Amino acid sequence: MPVLLTPPTVPTPRPLRYEERLELLERLARAGWLTTEEARDKRVSLLTEARSMG
């Protein structure tokens, strides 16, 4: 008789907070995944988004 295995439940990740997103951008830039200009542009858009949310 076959045994049915259920996959483990994986919690849904929560959205990153503003500070966590900034830190992630900085880490990606330091690691070379983003250029200085890309990191700056993403920080500006992140700040604009945070301001629009209140």
N, C-alpha and C. Protein backbone atom coordinates (compact mmCIF):
# COMPACT_ATOMS: atom_id res chain seq x y z
N MET A 1 0.85 -1.18 0.00
CA MET A 1 0.00 0.00 0.00
C MET A 1 0.90 1.25 0.00
N PRO A 2 0.69 2.18 -0.93
CA PRO A 2 1.55 3.38 -1.00
C PRO A 2 1.30 4.33 0.18
N VAL A 3 2.36 4.99 0.56
CA VAL A 3 2.27 5.98 1.64
C VAL A 3 2.25 7.36 1.00
N LEU A 4 1.26 8.16 1.35
CA LEU A 4 1.15 9.50 0.81
C LEU A 4 1.89 10.47 1.72
N LEU A 5 2.79 11.21 1.13
CA LEU A 5 3.54 12.20 1.89
C LEU A 5 3.02 13.59 1.55
N THR A 6 2.79 14.37 2.55
CA THR A 6 2.35 15.74 2.29
C THR A 6 3.56 16.66 2.38
N PRO A 7 3.64 17.63 1.51
CA PRO A 7 4.78 18.55 1.57
C PRO A 7 4.72 19.39 2.85
N PRO A 8 5.88 19.80 3.33
CA PRO A 8 5.87 20.64 4.54
C PRO A 8 5.20 21.98 4.24
N THR A 9 4.56 22.50 5.23
CA THR A 9 3.92 23.81 5.03
C THR A 9 4.98 24.89 5.18
N VAL A 10 4.98 25.80 4.24
CA VAL A 10 5.94 26.89 4.25
C VAL A 10 5.16 28.17 4.55
N PRO A 11 5.56 28.88 5.60
CA PRO A 11 4.83 30.11 5.91
C PRO A 11 5.02 31.15 4.81
N THR A 12 3.99 31.92 4.60
CA THR A 12 4.08 33.00 3.62
C THR A 12 4.97 34.10 4.19
N PRO A 13 6.00 34.49 3.45
CA PRO A 13 6.89 35.53 3.99
C PRO A 13 6.16 36.87 4.09
N ARG A 14 6.47 37.60 5.13
CA ARG A 14 5.88 38.92 5.30
C ARG A 14 6.65 39.92 4.44
N PRO A 15 6.00 40.99 4.02
CA PRO A 15 6.72 42.01 3.25
C PRO A 15 7.82 42.65 4.11
N LEU A 16 8.90 43.02 3.48
CA LEU A 16 10.00 43.66 4.20
C LEU A 16 9.62 45.07 4.62
N ARG A 17 10.07 45.45 5.81
CA ARG A 17 9.86 46.82 6.27
C ARG A 17 10.81 47.75 5.51
N TYR A 18 10.52 49.04 5.58
CA TYR A 18 11.32 50.05 4.88
C TYR A 18 12.81 49.90 5.22
N GLU A 19 13.12 49.79 6.52
CA GLU A 19 14.52 49.70 6.94
C GLU A 19 15.18 48.44 6.40
N GLU A 20 14.44 47.34 6.38
CA GLU A 20 14.98 46.09 5.86
C GLU A 20 15.25 46.19 4.36
N ARG A 21 14.36 46.89 3.65
CA ARG A 21 14.55 47.05 2.21
C ARG A 21 15.77 47.92 1.92
N LEU A 22 15.96 48.98 2.72
CA LEU A 22 17.15 49.82 2.55
C LEU A 22 18.42 49.02 2.80
N GLU A 23 18.41 48.23 3.86
CA GLU A 23 19.59 47.42 4.19
C GLU A 23 19.88 46.42 3.07
N LEU A 24 18.83 45.82 2.52
CA LEU A 24 19.02 44.88 1.42
C LEU A 24 19.63 45.57 0.20
N LEU A 25 19.16 46.76 -0.12
CA LEU A 25 19.74 47.52 -1.23
C LEU A 25 21.22 47.79 -1.00
N GLU A 26 21.57 48.19 0.22
CA GLU A 26 22.97 48.47 0.53
C GLU A 26 23.82 47.22 0.40
N ARG A 27 23.31 46.10 0.89
CA ARG A 27 24.07 44.85 0.81
C ARG A 27 24.25 44.40 -0.64
N LEU A 28 23.21 44.56 -1.46
CA LEU A 28 23.32 44.20 -2.88
C LEU A 28 24.34 45.08 -3.60
N ALA A 29 24.35 46.36 -3.25
CA ALA A 29 25.30 47.28 -3.87
C ALA A 29 26.73 46.93 -3.45
N ARG A 30 26.93 46.65 -2.17
CA ARG A 30 28.28 46.29 -1.69
C ARG A 30 28.78 45.00 -2.33
N ALA A 31 27.85 44.07 -2.58
CA ALA A 31 28.23 42.78 -3.16
C ALA A 31 28.46 42.88 -4.67
N GLY A 32 28.12 44.03 -5.26
CA GLY A 32 28.33 44.21 -6.68
C GLY A 32 27.15 43.80 -7.56
N TRP A 33 26.02 43.49 -6.94
CA TRP A 33 24.83 43.10 -7.71
C TRP A 33 24.12 44.32 -8.30
N LEU A 34 24.35 45.48 -7.71
CA LEU A 34 23.77 46.73 -8.22
C LEU A 34 24.88 47.74 -8.41
N THR A 35 24.77 48.54 -9.44
CA THR A 35 25.72 49.65 -9.58
C THR A 35 25.32 50.75 -8.60
N THR A 36 26.19 51.70 -8.42
CA THR A 36 25.90 52.82 -7.53
C THR A 36 24.66 53.57 -7.99
N GLU A 37 24.55 53.77 -9.30
CA GLU A 37 23.39 54.48 -9.84
C GLU A 37 22.10 53.71 -9.64
N GLU A 38 22.14 52.39 -9.86
CA GLU A 38 20.95 51.56 -9.66
C GLU A 38 20.51 51.59 -8.20
N ALA A 39 21.47 51.48 -7.31
CA ALA A 39 21.15 51.49 -5.88
C ALA A 39 20.54 52.84 -5.49
N ARG A 40 21.11 53.92 -6.00
CA ARG A 40 20.59 55.26 -5.69
C ARG A 40 19.16 55.40 -6.20
N ASP A 41 18.92 54.98 -7.45
CA ASP A 41 17.59 55.07 -8.04
C ASP A 41 16.57 54.26 -7.23
N LYS A 42 16.97 53.08 -6.80
CA LYS A 42 16.06 52.23 -6.03
C LYS A 42 15.79 52.82 -4.65
N ARG A 43 16.81 53.45 -4.04
CA ARG A 43 16.60 54.11 -2.74
C ARG A 43 15.63 55.27 -2.89
N VAL A 44 15.77 56.04 -3.97
CA VAL A 44 14.87 57.17 -4.20
C VAL A 44 13.44 56.68 -4.38
N SER A 45 13.25 55.63 -5.18
CA SER A 45 11.89 55.12 -5.39
C SER A 45 11.32 54.51 -4.12
N LEU A 46 12.18 53.90 -3.30
CA LEU A 46 11.74 53.35 -2.02
C LEU A 46 11.30 54.47 -1.08
N LEU A 47 12.07 55.54 -1.04
CA LEU A 47 11.73 56.69 -0.20
C LEU A 47 10.42 57.32 -0.67
N THR A 48 10.26 57.47 -1.98
CA THR A 48 9.03 58.04 -2.54
C THR A 48 7.83 57.17 -2.18
N GLU A 49 8.00 55.86 -2.29
CA GLU A 49 6.93 54.94 -1.94
C GLU A 49 6.58 55.04 -0.45
N ALA A 50 7.59 55.11 0.40
CA ALA A 50 7.35 55.22 1.84
C ALA A 50 6.62 56.50 2.19
N ARG A 51 6.99 57.59 1.53
CA ARG A 51 6.33 58.89 1.79
C ARG A 51 4.88 58.85 1.35
N SER A 52 4.60 58.19 0.22
CA SER A 52 3.23 58.14 -0.28
C SER A 52 2.33 57.27 0.61
N MET A 53 2.94 56.34 1.32
CA MET A 53 2.16 55.46 2.20
C MET A 53 1.87 56.11 3.54
N GLY A 54 2.58 57.19 3.83
CA GLY A 54 2.31 57.93 5.06
C GLY A 54 3.34 57.65 6.06
